[in-house]
Amino acid sequence: ILTGSATPNRKGVLHSGAGRIATLRMRPMSLFESGDSTGQVSLESLLNGKLKPANTGEVSLKKLIRLIVRGGWPASLDLNDDQIALLPGEYLKAILDDDLNRVDPVKRDRAKIKMLMKSLARNESTTVTNNTLKKDIKASDQENIDVDTIADYLGVLSRLFLLDNQAPFSGKIRSSVRIRQSEKRHFSDPSLACAILEATPEMLLNDLETLGFMFEALCERDLRIYAESFGAHLYHYQDYRQNEIDAVIQLKDGRWGAFEIKLGANQIDAAAANLNKTAHDISEDMSGQPPSVMAVICGKSIAAYQRPDGVMVVPITALKP
């Protein structure tokens, strides 16, 4: 097993490893791996329509914020609250000061790459375009960056495994309804977005809108890790009829599950209504296969259960593969 944190500069003749080497993307720890999820609910079982109701216990908002800011870094698990942002901050500093210079011979503007990273963090868990990132940088930092330059910088950050975007889902939908093809923007861990913005737990507690996007990133990080462990894949869904699904997980056999992500239990009703409406539109109006499961992944629910409308509710701190 060979591990590395960056794509090497390719010089001379290199063997691709085809037929001899398999590649596997390494990700930060999920909440189940770090011991912050009880594992009472299996995602794989959920996708097969199985959920045993369970009391999962109360989780404070401050605890959820701590998990976001700390991230899934093994070395951060036992750190005090005033130290949990240290590792992701140093990780970003190492990328800016060292890895950017080693990935290829091209010299890039460190300050502008940092501004782009800040813009990505401000737009975490959204489907903003490169043009929107350009406008955001102009508005926030009073700097102009060419769209082609942004594309180059994004490519480099992806090669350094700093980004882990969520691809759009289309499945076997056949319709004249157009499906949005934008990826949902994500850092490889929500702690990196917090670190580049210097967002402390106190700041997130006072900015619930930003906290909501960071919580979504935390959940989608874990959903991706769990799904890929049994050969499934994570997507998101948007169409031009204003239908959206935060997370779509597709199994090898084509079956898929629809997941909305909500921080508070008071948002569950609205999330369930959206799932039912979108699933109806896909299966009826768009000649597509309906989801095998619909679920709301939440932060503040104290139980895992199935609602009368068929939508399941699962706290992220009770989920496992």
C-alpha atoms as a PDB file:
ATOM      1  CA  ILE A   1       0.000   0.000   0.000  1.00  0.00           C
ATOM      2  CA  LEU A   2       1.514   3.301  -1.114  1.00  0.00           C
ATOM      3  CA  THR A   3       0.063   6.531   0.232  1.00  0.00           C
ATOM      4  CA  GLY A   4       0.572  10.124  -0.842  1.00  0.00           C
ATOM      5  CA  SER A   5      -1.061  13.495  -0.361  1.00  0.00           C
ATOM      6  CA  ALA A   6      -0.328  15.123  -3.724  1.00  0.00           C
ATOM      7  CA  THR A   7      -0.109  14.394  -7.427  1.00  0.00           C
ATOM      8  CA  PRO A   8       3.575  14.183  -8.440  1.00  0.00           C
ATOM      9  CA  ASN A   9       5.084  16.306 -11.168  1.00  0.00           C
ATOM     10  CA  ARG A  10       5.275  13.968 -14.173  1.00  0.00           C
ATOM     11  CA  LYS A  11       8.712  14.066 -15.763  1.00  0.00           C
ATOM     12  CA  GLY A  12      10.096  11.542 -18.192  1.00  0.00           C
ATOM     13  CA  VAL A  13       8.512   8.130 -18.769  1.00  0.00           C
ATOM     14  CA  LEU A  14       6.318   6.919 -15.915  1.00  0.00           C
ATOM     15  CA  HIS A  15       4.326   3.701 -15.685  1.00  0.00           C
ATOM     16  CA  SER A  16       0.640   4.454 -15.172  1.00  0.00           C
ATOM     17  CA  GLY A  17       0.184   1.396 -12.995  1.00  0.00           C
ATOM     18  CA  ALA A  18      -2.563   0.103 -15.271  1.00  0.00           C
ATOM     19  CA  GLY A  19      -3.160  -3.573 -14.585  1.00  0.00           C
ATOM     20  CA  ARG A  20      -0.859  -3.531 -11.565  1.00  0.00           C
ATOM     21  CA  ILE A  21      -1.943  -0.751  -9.250  1.00  0.00           C
ATOM     22  CA  ALA A  22      -5.434   0.208  -8.054  1.00  0.00           C
ATOM     23  CA  THR A  23      -5.986   3.701  -6.712  1.00  0.00           C
ATOM     24  CA  LEU A  24      -8.168   4.538  -3.729  1.00  0.00           C
ATOM     25  CA  ARG A  25      -8.935   8.048  -2.536  1.00  0.00           C
ATOM     26  CA  MET A  26      -8.226   8.441   1.174  1.00  0.00           C
ATOM     27  CA  ARG A  27     -10.596  10.740   3.030  1.00  0.00           C
ATOM     28  CA  PRO A  28     -10.759  12.158   6.555  1.00  0.00           C
ATOM     29  CA  MET A  29     -12.507  10.055   9.185  1.00  0.00           C
ATOM     30  CA  SER A  30     -16.285   9.871   9.234  1.00  0.00           C
ATOM     31  CA  LEU A  31     -18.167  10.429  12.482  1.00  0.00           C
ATOM     32  CA  PHE A  32     -18.577   6.666  12.844  1.00  0.00           C
ATOM     33  CA  GLU A  33     -14.827   6.134  12.456  1.00  0.00           C
ATOM     34  CA  SER A  34     -13.986   8.869  14.952  1.00  0.00           C
ATOM     35  CA  GLY A  35     -16.427   7.481  17.520  1.00  0.00           C
ATOM     36  CA  ASP A  36     -18.830  10.427  17.248  1.00  0.00           C
ATOM     37  CA  SER A  37     -21.669   8.364  15.737  1.00  0.00           C
ATOM     38  CA  THR A  38     -23.381   5.566  17.638  1.00  0.00           C
ATOM     39  CA  GLY A  39     -23.844   3.567  14.436  1.00  0.00           C
ATOM     40  CA  GLN A  40     -27.407   2.589  15.327  1.00  0.00           C
ATOM     41  CA  VAL A  41     -28.567   3.039  11.713  1.00  0.00           C
ATOM     42  CA  SER A  42     -26.891   1.442   8.683  1.00  0.00           C
ATOM     43  CA  LEU A  43     -26.957   3.471   5.472  1.00  0.00           C
ATOM     44  CA  GLU A  44     -26.850   0.287   3.386  1.00  0.00           C
ATOM     45  CA  SER A  45     -29.860  -1.115   5.246  1.00  0.00           C
ATOM     46  CA  LEU A  46     -31.624   2.218   4.887  1.00  0.00           C
ATOM     47  CA  LEU A  47     -31.180   2.090   1.112  1.00  0.00           C
ATOM     48  CA  ASN A  48     -32.854  -1.315   1.203  1.00  0.00           C
ATOM     49  CA  GLY A  49     -35.844   0.174   3.025  1.00  0.00           C
ATOM     50  CA  LYS A  50     -34.953  -1.165   6.458  1.00  0.00           C
ATOM     51  CA  LEU A  51     -34.977   1.035   9.543  1.00  0.00           C
ATOM     52  CA  LYS A  52     -35.390  -0.128  13.122  1.00  0.00           C
ATOM     53  CA  PRO A  53     -36.730   2.810  15.166  1.00  0.00           C
ATOM     54  CA  ALA A  54     -34.341   3.845  17.919  1.00  0.00           C
ATOM     55  CA  ASN A  55     -33.809   6.533  20.496  1.00  0.00           C
ATOM     56  CA  THR A  56     -30.466   8.011  19.540  1.00  0.00           C
ATOM     57  CA  GLY A  57     -30.027  10.594  22.287  1.00  0.00           C
ATOM     58  CA  GLU A  58     -29.748  14.343  22.251  1.00  0.00           C
ATOM     59  CA  VAL A  59     -26.774  16.072  20.616  1.00  0.00           C
ATOM     60  CA  SER A  60     -26.103  19.700  21.440  1.00  0.00           C
ATOM     61  CA  LEU A  61     -25.633  22.335  18.765  1.00  0.00           C
ATOM     62  CA  LYS A  62     -22.227  23.145  20.256  1.00  0.00           C
ATOM     63  CA  LYS A  63     -21.177  19.505  19.838  1.00  0.00           C
ATOM     64  CA  LEU A  64     -22.176  19.510  16.168  1.00  0.00           C
ATOM     65  CA  ILE A  65     -20.259  22.754  15.596  1.00  0.00           C
ATOM     66  CA  ARG A  66     -17.215  21.244  17.283  1.00  0.00           C
ATOM     67  CA  LEU A  67     -17.339  18.234  14.941  1.00  0.00           C
ATOM     68  CA  ILE A  68     -17.475  20.572  11.925  1.00  0.00           C
ATOM     69  CA  VAL A  69     -14.582  22.798  13.004  1.00  0.00           C
ATOM     70  CA  ARG A  70     -12.462  19.860  14.190  1.00  0.00           C
ATOM     71  CA  GLY A  71     -12.977  17.779  11.063  1.00  0.00           C
ATOM     72  CA  GLY A  72     -12.110  14.135  10.552  1.00  0.00           C
ATOM     73  CA  TRP A  73      -8.366  14.369  11.175  1.00  0.00           C
ATOM     74  CA  PRO A  74      -7.127  11.536  13.454  1.00  0.00           C
ATOM     75  CA  ALA A  75      -4.568  13.782  15.159  1.00  0.00           C
ATOM     76  CA  SER A  76      -7.304  16.232  16.181  1.00  0.00           C
ATOM     77  CA  LEU A  77      -9.561  13.805  18.032  1.00  0.00           C
ATOM     78  CA  ASP A  78      -8.163  14.426  21.513  1.00  0.00           C
ATOM     79  CA  LEU A  79      -7.446  18.138  21.199  1.00  0.00           C
ATOM     80  CA  ASN A  80      -9.031  20.745  23.455  1.00  0.00           C
ATOM     81  CA  ASP A  81     -11.681  23.057  22.039  1.00  0.00           C
ATOM     82  CA  ASP A  82      -9.192  25.911  21.680  1.00  0.00           C
ATOM     83  CA  GLN A  83      -6.888  23.709  19.559  1.00  0.00           C
ATOM     84  CA  ILE A  84      -9.284  21.896  17.230  1.00  0.00           C
ATOM     85  CA  ALA A  85      -8.801  24.330  14.338  1.00  0.00           C
ATOM     86  CA  LEU A  86      -4.996  24.017  14.445  1.00  0.00           C
ATOM     87  CA  LEU A  87      -4.523  21.028  12.127  1.00  0.00           C
ATOM     88  CA  PRO A  88      -6.788  22.124   9.213  1.00  0.00           C
ATOM     89  CA  GLY A  89      -5.207  25.576   9.387  1.00  0.00           C
ATOM     90  CA  GLU A  90      -1.710  24.120   9.151  1.00  0.00           C
ATOM     91  CA  TYR A  91      -2.838  21.808   6.347  1.00  0.00           C
ATOM     92  CA  LEU A  92      -3.959  24.788   4.265  1.00  0.00           C
ATOM     93  CA  LYS A  93      -0.775  26.696   5.070  1.00  0.00           C
ATOM     94  CA  ALA A  94       1.336  23.753   3.887  1.00  0.00           C
ATOM     95  CA  ILE A  95      -0.580  23.610   0.606  1.00  0.00           C
ATOM     96  CA  LEU A  96      -0.173  27.331  -0.016  1.00  0.00           C
ATOM     97  CA  ASP A  97       3.496  27.493   1.018  1.00  0.00           C
ATOM     98  CA  ASP A  98       4.798  24.190  -0.312  1.00  0.00           C
ATOM     99  CA  ASP A  99       2.548  21.855  -2.307  1.00  0.00           C
ATOM    100  CA  LEU A 100       1.496  24.494  -4.847  1.00  0.00           C
ATOM    101  CA  ASN A 101       5.128  24.913  -5.823  1.00  0.00           C
ATOM    102  CA  ARG A 102       5.736  21.179  -6.179  1.00  0.00           C
ATOM    103  CA  VAL A 103       2.693  20.078  -8.159  1.00  0.00           C
ATOM    104  CA  ASP A 104       4.118  21.399 -11.465  1.00  0.00           C
ATOM    105  CA  PRO A 105       6.631  24.013 -12.713  1.00  0.00           C
ATOM    106  CA  VAL A 106       3.993  26.725 -13.217  1.00  0.00           C
ATOM    107  CA  LYS A 107       4.330  29.732 -10.899  1.00  0.00           C
ATOM    108  CA  ARG A 108       0.988  30.821  -9.488  1.00  0.00           C
ATOM    109  CA  ASP A 109      -0.128  33.780  -7.423  1.00  0.00           C
ATOM    110  CA  ARG A 110      -0.372  32.540  -3.813  1.00  0.00           C
ATOM    111  CA  ALA A 111      -2.523  35.481  -2.716  1.00  0.00           C
ATOM    112  CA  LYS A 112      -5.053  34.937  -5.482  1.00  0.00           C
ATOM    113  CA  ILE A 113      -5.248  31.200  -4.810  1.00  0.00           C
ATOM    114  CA  LYS A 114      -5.956  31.989  -1.168  1.00  0.00           C
ATOM    115  CA  MET A 115      -8.712  34.401  -2.221  1.00  0.00           C
ATOM    116  CA  LEU A 116     -10.208  31.674  -4.416  1.00  0.00           C
ATOM    117  CA  MET A 117     -10.104  29.250  -1.492  1.00  0.00           C
ATOM    118  CA  LYS A 118     -11.935  31.804   0.663  1.00  0.00           C
ATOM    119  CA  SER A 119     -14.562  32.220  -2.031  1.00  0.00           C
ATOM    120  CA  LEU A 120     -15.000  28.459  -2.236  1.00  0.00           C
ATOM    121  CA  ALA A 121     -15.441  28.366   1.537  1.00  0.00           C
ATOM    122  CA  ARG A 122     -18.057  31.141   1.394  1.00  0.00           C
ATOM    123  CA  ASN A 123     -19.858  29.038  -1.229  1.00  0.00           C
ATOM    124  CA  GLU A 124     -19.426  25.665   0.457  1.00  0.00           C
ATOM    125  CA  SER A 125     -22.211  23.180  -0.392  1.00  0.00           C
ATOM    126  CA  THR A 126     -23.529  25.284  -3.293  1.00  0.00           C
ATOM    127  CA  THR A 127     -23.430  24.915  -7.091  1.00  0.00           C
ATOM    128  CA  VAL A 128     -21.883  28.293  -7.891  1.00  0.00           C
ATOM    129  CA  THR A 129     -20.212  28.699 -11.274  1.00  0.00           C
ATOM    130  CA  ASN A 130     -16.678  29.918 -11.936  1.00  0.00           C
ATOM    131  CA  ASN A 131     -18.173  33.243 -13.041  1.00  0.00           C
ATOM    132  CA  THR A 132     -19.938  33.560  -9.691  1.00  0.00           C
ATOM    133  CA  LEU A 133     -16.676  32.817  -7.881  1.00  0.00           C
ATOM    134  CA  LYS A 134     -15.050  35.594  -9.907  1.00  0.00           C
ATOM    135  CA  LYS A 135     -17.788  38.050  -8.885  1.00  0.00           C
ATOM    136  CA  ASP A 136     -17.577  36.944  -5.258  1.00  0.00           C
ATOM    137  CA  ILE A 137     -13.821  37.558  -5.180  1.00  0.00           C
ATOM    138  CA  LYS A 138     -14.338  40.979  -6.744  1.00  0.00           C
ATOM    139  CA  ALA A 139     -17.020  41.893  -4.192  1.00  0.00           C
ATOM    140  CA  SER A 140     -15.226  40.523  -1.130  1.00  0.00           C
ATOM    141  CA  ASP A 141     -11.556  41.122  -1.888  1.00  0.00           C
ATOM    142  CA  GLN A 142     -11.665  43.887  -4.534  1.00  0.00           C
ATOM    143  CA  GLU A 143      -9.538  41.731  -6.841  1.00  0.00           C
ATOM    144  CA  ASN A 144     -10.053  40.621 -10.426  1.00  0.00           C
ATOM    145  CA  ILE A 145      -9.274  37.049 -11.430  1.00  0.00           C
ATOM    146  CA  ASP A 146      -9.775  35.799 -14.956  1.00  0.00           C
ATOM    147  CA  VAL A 147     -12.210  32.881 -15.310  1.00  0.00           C
ATOM    148  CA  ASP A 148      -9.547  30.814 -17.091  1.00  0.00           C
ATOM    149  CA  THR A 149      -7.196  31.446 -14.174  1.00  0.00           C
ATOM    150  CA  ILE A 150      -9.885  30.306 -11.752  1.00  0.00           C
ATOM    151  CA  ALA A 151     -10.310  27.095 -13.768  1.00  0.00           C
ATOM    152  CA  ASP A 152      -6.541  26.491 -13.633  1.00  0.00           C
ATOM    153  CA  TYR A 153      -6.416  27.111  -9.886  1.00  0.00           C
ATOM    154  CA  LEU A 154      -9.374  24.797  -9.285  1.00  0.00           C
ATOM    155  CA  GLY A 155      -7.635  22.080 -11.273  1.00  0.00           C
ATOM    156  CA  VAL A 156      -4.530  22.388  -9.124  1.00  0.00           C
ATOM    157  CA  LEU A 157      -6.520  22.330  -5.875  1.00  0.00           C
ATOM    158  CA  SER A 158      -8.303  19.198  -7.094  1.00  0.00           C
ATOM    159  CA  ARG A 159      -4.976  17.537  -7.917  1.00  0.00           C
ATOM    160  CA  LEU A 160      -3.899  18.296  -4.363  1.00  0.00           C
ATOM    161  CA  PHE A 161      -7.067  16.550  -3.104  1.00  0.00           C
ATOM    162  CA  LEU A 162      -8.240  19.711  -1.369  1.00  0.00           C
ATOM    163  CA  LEU A 163     -11.593  19.632  -3.194  1.00  0.00           C
ATOM    164  CA  ASP A 164     -14.133  16.816  -3.305  1.00  0.00           C
ATOM    165  CA  ASN A 165     -17.094  18.052  -5.340  1.00  0.00           C
ATOM    166  CA  GLN A 166     -20.475  16.324  -5.586  1.00  0.00           C
ATOM    167  CA  ALA A 167     -21.453  15.354  -9.132  1.00  0.00           C
ATOM    168  CA  PRO A 168     -25.005  15.901 -10.475  1.00  0.00           C
ATOM    169  CA  PHE A 169     -27.397  12.963 -10.633  1.00  0.00           C
ATOM    170  CA  SER A 170     -29.356  12.034 -13.725  1.00  0.00           C
ATOM    171  CA  GLY A 171     -29.859   8.286 -13.340  1.00  0.00           C
ATOM    172  CA  LYS A 172     -32.132   6.883 -16.051  1.00  0.00           C
ATOM    173  CA  ILE A 173     -34.367   9.939 -16.177  1.00  0.00           C
ATOM    174  CA  ARG A 174     -35.737  10.517 -19.674  1.00  0.00           C
ATOM    175  CA  SER A 175     -37.540  13.799 -20.103  1.00  0.00           C
ATOM    176  CA  SER A 176     -37.595  17.149 -21.820  1.00  0.00           C
ATOM    177  CA  VAL A 177     -37.041  18.635 -18.365  1.00  0.00           C
ATOM    178  CA  ARG A 178     -33.455  19.838 -18.261  1.00  0.00           C
ATOM    179  CA  ILE A 179     -31.229  18.614 -15.438  1.00  0.00           C
ATOM    180  CA  ARG A 180     -28.660  21.015 -14.017  1.00  0.00           C
ATOM    181  CA  GLN A 181     -25.140  19.708 -14.573  1.00  0.00           C
ATOM    182  CA  SER A 182     -23.248  21.843 -12.035  1.00  0.00           C
ATOM    183  CA  GLU A 183     -21.203  20.101  -9.375  1.00  0.00           C
ATOM    184  CA  LYS A 184     -21.833  20.983  -5.742  1.00  0.00           C
ATOM    185  CA  ARG A 185     -18.725  22.619  -4.293  1.00  0.00           C
ATOM    186  CA  HIS A 186     -17.002  20.933  -1.357  1.00  0.00           C
ATOM    187  CA  PHE A 187     -13.677  20.999   0.395  1.00  0.00           C
ATOM    188  CA  SER A 188     -12.527  17.487   1.263  1.00  0.00           C
ATOM    189  CA  ASP A 189     -13.476  18.255   4.869  1.00  0.00           C
ATOM    190  CA  PRO A 190     -15.706  21.050   6.249  1.00  0.00           C
ATOM    191  CA  SER A 191     -12.995  21.967   8.749  1.00  0.00           C
ATOM    192  CA  LEU A 192     -10.900  23.283   5.836  1.00  0.00           C
ATOM    193  CA  ALA A 193     -13.662  25.691   4.812  1.00  0.00           C
ATOM    194  CA  CYS A 194     -13.917  26.885   8.417  1.00  0.00           C
ATOM    195  CA  ALA A 195     -10.146  27.243   8.689  1.00  0.00           C
ATOM    196  CA  ILE A 196      -9.709  29.367   5.546  1.00  0.00           C
ATOM    197  CA  LEU A 197     -12.512  31.667   6.777  1.00  0.00           C
ATOM    198  CA  GLU A 198     -11.090  31.616  10.333  1.00  0.00           C
ATOM    199  CA  ALA A 199     -14.590  30.685  11.484  1.00  0.00           C
ATOM    200  CA  THR A 200     -14.572  29.811  15.174  1.00  0.00           C
ATOM    201  CA  PRO A 201     -17.303  27.796  16.925  1.00  0.00           C
ATOM    202  CA  GLU A 202     -18.580  31.047  18.437  1.00  0.00           C
ATOM    203  CA  MET A 203     -18.834  32.678  15.010  1.00  0.00           C
ATOM    204  CA  LEU A 204     -20.761  29.723  13.576  1.00  0.00           C
ATOM    205  CA  LEU A 205     -23.106  29.713  16.560  1.00  0.00           C
ATOM    206  CA  ASN A 206     -23.995  33.306  15.675  1.00  0.00           C
ATOM    207  CA  ASP A 207     -24.299  32.649  11.920  1.00  0.00           C
ATOM    208  CA  LEU A 208     -26.821  29.850  11.487  1.00  0.00           C
ATOM    209  CA  GLU A 209     -26.994  30.267   7.703  1.00  0.00           C
ATOM    210  CA  THR A 210     -23.282  29.554   7.271  1.00  0.00           C
ATOM    211  CA  LEU A 211     -23.535  26.812   9.885  1.00  0.00           C
ATOM    212  CA  GLY A 212     -26.267  25.146   7.826  1.00  0.00           C
ATOM    213  CA  PHE A 213     -24.010  24.909   4.755  1.00  0.00           C
ATOM    214  CA  MET A 214     -21.115  23.584   6.852  1.00  0.00           C
ATOM    215  CA  PHE A 215     -23.380  20.995   8.474  1.00  0.00           C
ATOM    216  CA  GLU A 216     -24.528  19.899   5.021  1.00  0.00           C
ATOM    217  CA  ALA A 217     -20.875  19.481   4.029  1.00  0.00           C
ATOM    218  CA  LEU A 218     -20.227  17.366   7.132  1.00  0.00           C
ATOM    219  CA  CYS A 219     -23.173  15.081   6.327  1.00  0.00           C
ATOM    220  CA  GLU A 220     -22.279  14.755   2.653  1.00  0.00           C
ATOM    221  CA  ARG A 221     -18.674  13.923   3.560  1.00  0.00           C
ATOM    222  CA  ASP A 222     -19.930  11.032   5.702  1.00  0.00           C
ATOM    223  CA  LEU A 223     -22.587   9.910   3.213  1.00  0.00           C
ATOM    224  CA  ARG A 224     -19.900   9.676   0.510  1.00  0.00           C
ATOM    225  CA  ILE A 225     -17.569   7.660   2.746  1.00  0.00           C
ATOM    226  CA  TYR A 226     -20.322   5.270   3.815  1.00  0.00           C
ATOM    227  CA  ALA A 227     -21.756   4.867   0.302  1.00  0.00           C
ATOM    228  CA  GLU A 228     -18.430   4.134  -1.335  1.00  0.00           C
ATOM    229  CA  SER A 229     -17.690   1.456   1.280  1.00  0.00           C
ATOM    230  CA  PHE A 230     -20.354  -0.756  -0.351  1.00  0.00           C
ATOM    231  CA  GLY A 231     -19.891   0.366  -3.952  1.00  0.00           C
ATOM    232  CA  ALA A 232     -22.512   3.126  -4.130  1.00  0.00           C
ATOM    233  CA  HIS A 233     -21.946   6.720  -5.247  1.00  0.00           C
ATOM    234  CA  LEU A 234     -22.985  10.132  -3.936  1.00  0.00           C
ATOM    235  CA  TYR A 235     -24.628  12.777  -6.154  1.00  0.00           C
ATOM    236  CA  HIS A 236     -26.957  15.754  -5.825  1.00  0.00           C
ATOM    237  CA  TYR A 237     -30.013  16.631  -7.903  1.00  0.00           C
ATOM    238  CA  GLN A 238     -31.243  19.915  -9.389  1.00  0.00           C
ATOM    239  CA  ASP A 239     -33.463  20.644 -12.355  1.00  0.00           C
ATOM    240  CA  TYR A 240     -34.791  23.796 -13.996  1.00  0.00           C
ATOM    241  CA  ARG A 241     -38.189  23.322 -12.383  1.00  0.00           C
ATOM    242  CA  GLN A 242     -36.693  24.262  -8.993  1.00  0.00           C
ATOM    243  CA  ASN A 243     -36.616  20.649  -7.795  1.00  0.00           C
ATOM    244  CA  GLU A 244     -33.592  19.892  -5.609  1.00  0.00           C
ATOM    245  CA  ILE A 245     -32.343  16.991  -3.513  1.00  0.00           C
ATOM    246  CA  ASP A 246     -29.347  17.607  -1.246  1.00  0.00           C
ATOM    247  CA  ALA A 247     -27.882  14.121  -1.619  1.00  0.00           C
ATOM    248  CA  VAL A 248     -28.616  11.206  -3.923  1.00  0.00           C
ATOM    249  CA  ILE A 249     -26.992   7.828  -3.360  1.00  0.00           C
ATOM    250  CA  GLN A 250     -27.094   5.391  -6.267  1.00  0.00           C
ATOM    251  CA  LEU A 251     -26.468   1.686  -5.801  1.00  0.00           C
ATOM    252  CA  LYS A 252     -24.743  -0.607  -8.300  1.00  0.00           C
ATOM    253  CA  ASP A 253     -28.080  -1.984  -9.520  1.00  0.00           C
ATOM    254  CA  GLY A 254     -29.368   1.500 -10.379  1.00  0.00           C
ATOM    255  CA  ARG A 255     -31.631   1.940  -7.364  1.00  0.00           C
ATOM    256  CA  TRP A 256     -31.221   5.257  -5.619  1.00  0.00           C
ATOM    257  CA  GLY A 257     -32.097   7.014  -2.410  1.00  0.00           C
ATOM    258  CA  ALA A 258     -33.028  10.673  -1.859  1.00  0.00           C
ATOM    259  CA  PHE A 259     -31.722  12.524   1.191  1.00  0.00           C
ATOM    260  CA  GLU A 260     -32.406  15.999   2.516  1.00  0.00           C
ATOM    261  CA  ILE A 261     -30.036  17.424   5.125  1.00  0.00           C
ATOM    262  CA  LYS A 262     -31.319  19.666   7.905  1.00  0.00           C
ATOM    263  CA  LEU A 263     -29.631  20.909  11.047  1.00  0.00           C
ATOM    264  CA  GLY A 264     -32.747  21.431  13.188  1.00  0.00           C
ATOM    265  CA  ALA A 265     -35.664  19.114  13.919  1.00  0.00           C
ATOM    266  CA  ASN A 266     -38.032  22.005  13.162  1.00  0.00           C
ATOM    267  CA  GLN A 267     -36.999  21.717   9.481  1.00  0.00           C
ATOM    268  CA  ILE A 268     -37.925  18.043   9.072  1.00  0.00           C
ATOM    269  CA  ASP A 269     -41.521  18.629   7.904  1.00  0.00           C
ATOM    270  CA  ALA A 270     -40.435  20.971   5.098  1.00  0.00           C
ATOM    271  CA  ALA A 271     -37.636  18.617   4.065  1.00  0.00           C
ATOM    272  CA  ALA A 272     -40.006  15.630   3.918  1.00  0.00           C
ATOM    273  CA  ALA A 273     -42.512  17.617   1.838  1.00  0.00           C
ATOM    274  CA  ASN A 274     -39.761  18.534  -0.624  1.00  0.00           C
ATOM    275  CA  LEU A 275     -38.652  14.909  -0.937  1.00  0.00           C
ATOM    276  CA  ASN A 276     -42.180  13.709  -1.648  1.00  0.00           C
ATOM    277  CA  LYS A 277     -42.809  16.443  -4.232  1.00  0.00           C
ATOM    278  CA  THR A 278     -39.524  15.926  -6.052  1.00  0.00           C
ATOM    279  CA  ALA A 279     -39.859  12.137  -6.038  1.00  0.00           C
ATOM    280  CA  HIS A 280     -43.357  12.491  -7.498  1.00  0.00           C
ATOM    281  CA  ASP A 281     -42.136  14.820 -10.250  1.00  0.00           C
ATOM    282  CA  ILE A 282     -39.300  12.478 -11.165  1.00  0.00           C
ATOM    283  CA  SER A 283     -41.403   9.316 -11.235  1.00  0.00           C
ATOM    284  CA  GLU A 284     -44.508  10.800 -12.862  1.00  0.00           C
ATOM    285  CA  ASP A 285     -43.589  13.830 -14.951  1.00  0.00           C
ATOM    286  CA  MET A 286     -40.064  12.789 -15.876  1.00  0.00           C
ATOM    287  CA  SER A 287     -40.489   9.062 -16.604  1.00  0.00           C
ATOM    288  CA  GLY A 288     -37.792   8.181 -14.109  1.00  0.00           C
ATOM    289  CA  GLN A 289     -37.332   5.463 -11.493  1.00  0.00           C
ATOM    290  CA  PRO A 290     -38.627   6.602  -8.073  1.00  0.00           C
ATOM    291  CA  PRO A 291     -36.250   6.494  -5.089  1.00  0.00           C
ATOM    292  CA  SER A 292     -36.083   3.298  -3.077  1.00  0.00           C
ATOM    293  CA  VAL A 293     -35.871   5.359   0.105  1.00  0.00           C
ATOM    294  CA  MET A 294     -36.422   8.966   1.126  1.00  0.00           C
ATOM    295  CA  ALA A 295     -34.775  10.210   4.305  1.00  0.00           C
ATOM    296  CA  VAL A 296     -33.951  13.366   6.203  1.00  0.00           C
ATOM    297  CA  ILE A 297     -30.469  13.389   7.725  1.00  0.00           C
ATOM    298  CA  CYS A 298     -30.526  15.813  10.629  1.00  0.00           C
ATOM    299  CA  GLY A 299     -28.458  17.109  13.497  1.00  0.00           C
ATOM    300  CA  LYS A 300     -30.894  17.785  16.303  1.00  0.00           C
ATOM    301  CA  SER A 301     -33.306  14.851  16.172  1.00  0.00           C
ATOM    302  CA  ILE A 302     -33.208  12.541  19.210  1.00  0.00           C
ATOM    303  CA  ALA A 303     -34.526   9.469  17.373  1.00  0.00           C
ATOM    304  CA  ALA A 304     -34.376   7.480  14.139  1.00  0.00           C
ATOM    305  CA  TYR A 305     -37.851   6.693  12.837  1.00  0.00           C
ATOM    306  CA  GLN A 306     -40.170   6.506   9.833  1.00  0.00           C
ATOM    307  CA  ARG A 307     -42.819   9.183   9.358  1.00  0.00           C
ATOM    308  CA  PRO A 308     -46.407   8.406   8.298  1.00  0.00           C
ATOM    309  CA  ASP A 309     -45.602   9.797   4.822  1.00  0.00           C
ATOM    310  CA  GLY A 310     -42.873   7.179   4.401  1.00  0.00           C
ATOM    311  CA  VAL A 311     -39.907   9.524   4.866  1.00  0.00           C
ATOM    312  CA  MET A 312     -37.293   8.263   7.305  1.00  0.00           C
ATOM    313  CA  VAL A 313     -35.516  10.530   9.793  1.00  0.00           C
ATOM    314  CA  VAL A 314     -31.956   9.711  10.884  1.00  0.00           C
ATOM    315  CA  PRO A 315     -29.519  11.783  12.973  1.00  0.00           C
ATOM    316  CA  ILE A 316     -26.074  11.993  11.388  1.00  0.00           C
ATOM    317  CA  THR A 317     -24.633  11.035  14.782  1.00  0.00           C
ATOM    318  CA  ALA A 318     -26.417   7.653  14.560  1.00  0.00           C
ATOM    319  CA  LEU A 319     -25.355   6.694  11.027  1.00  0.00           C
ATOM    320  CA  LYS A 320     -22.816   4.113   9.856  1.00  0.00           C
ATOM    321  CA  PRO A 321     -22.087   2.318   6.565  1.00  0.00           C
END
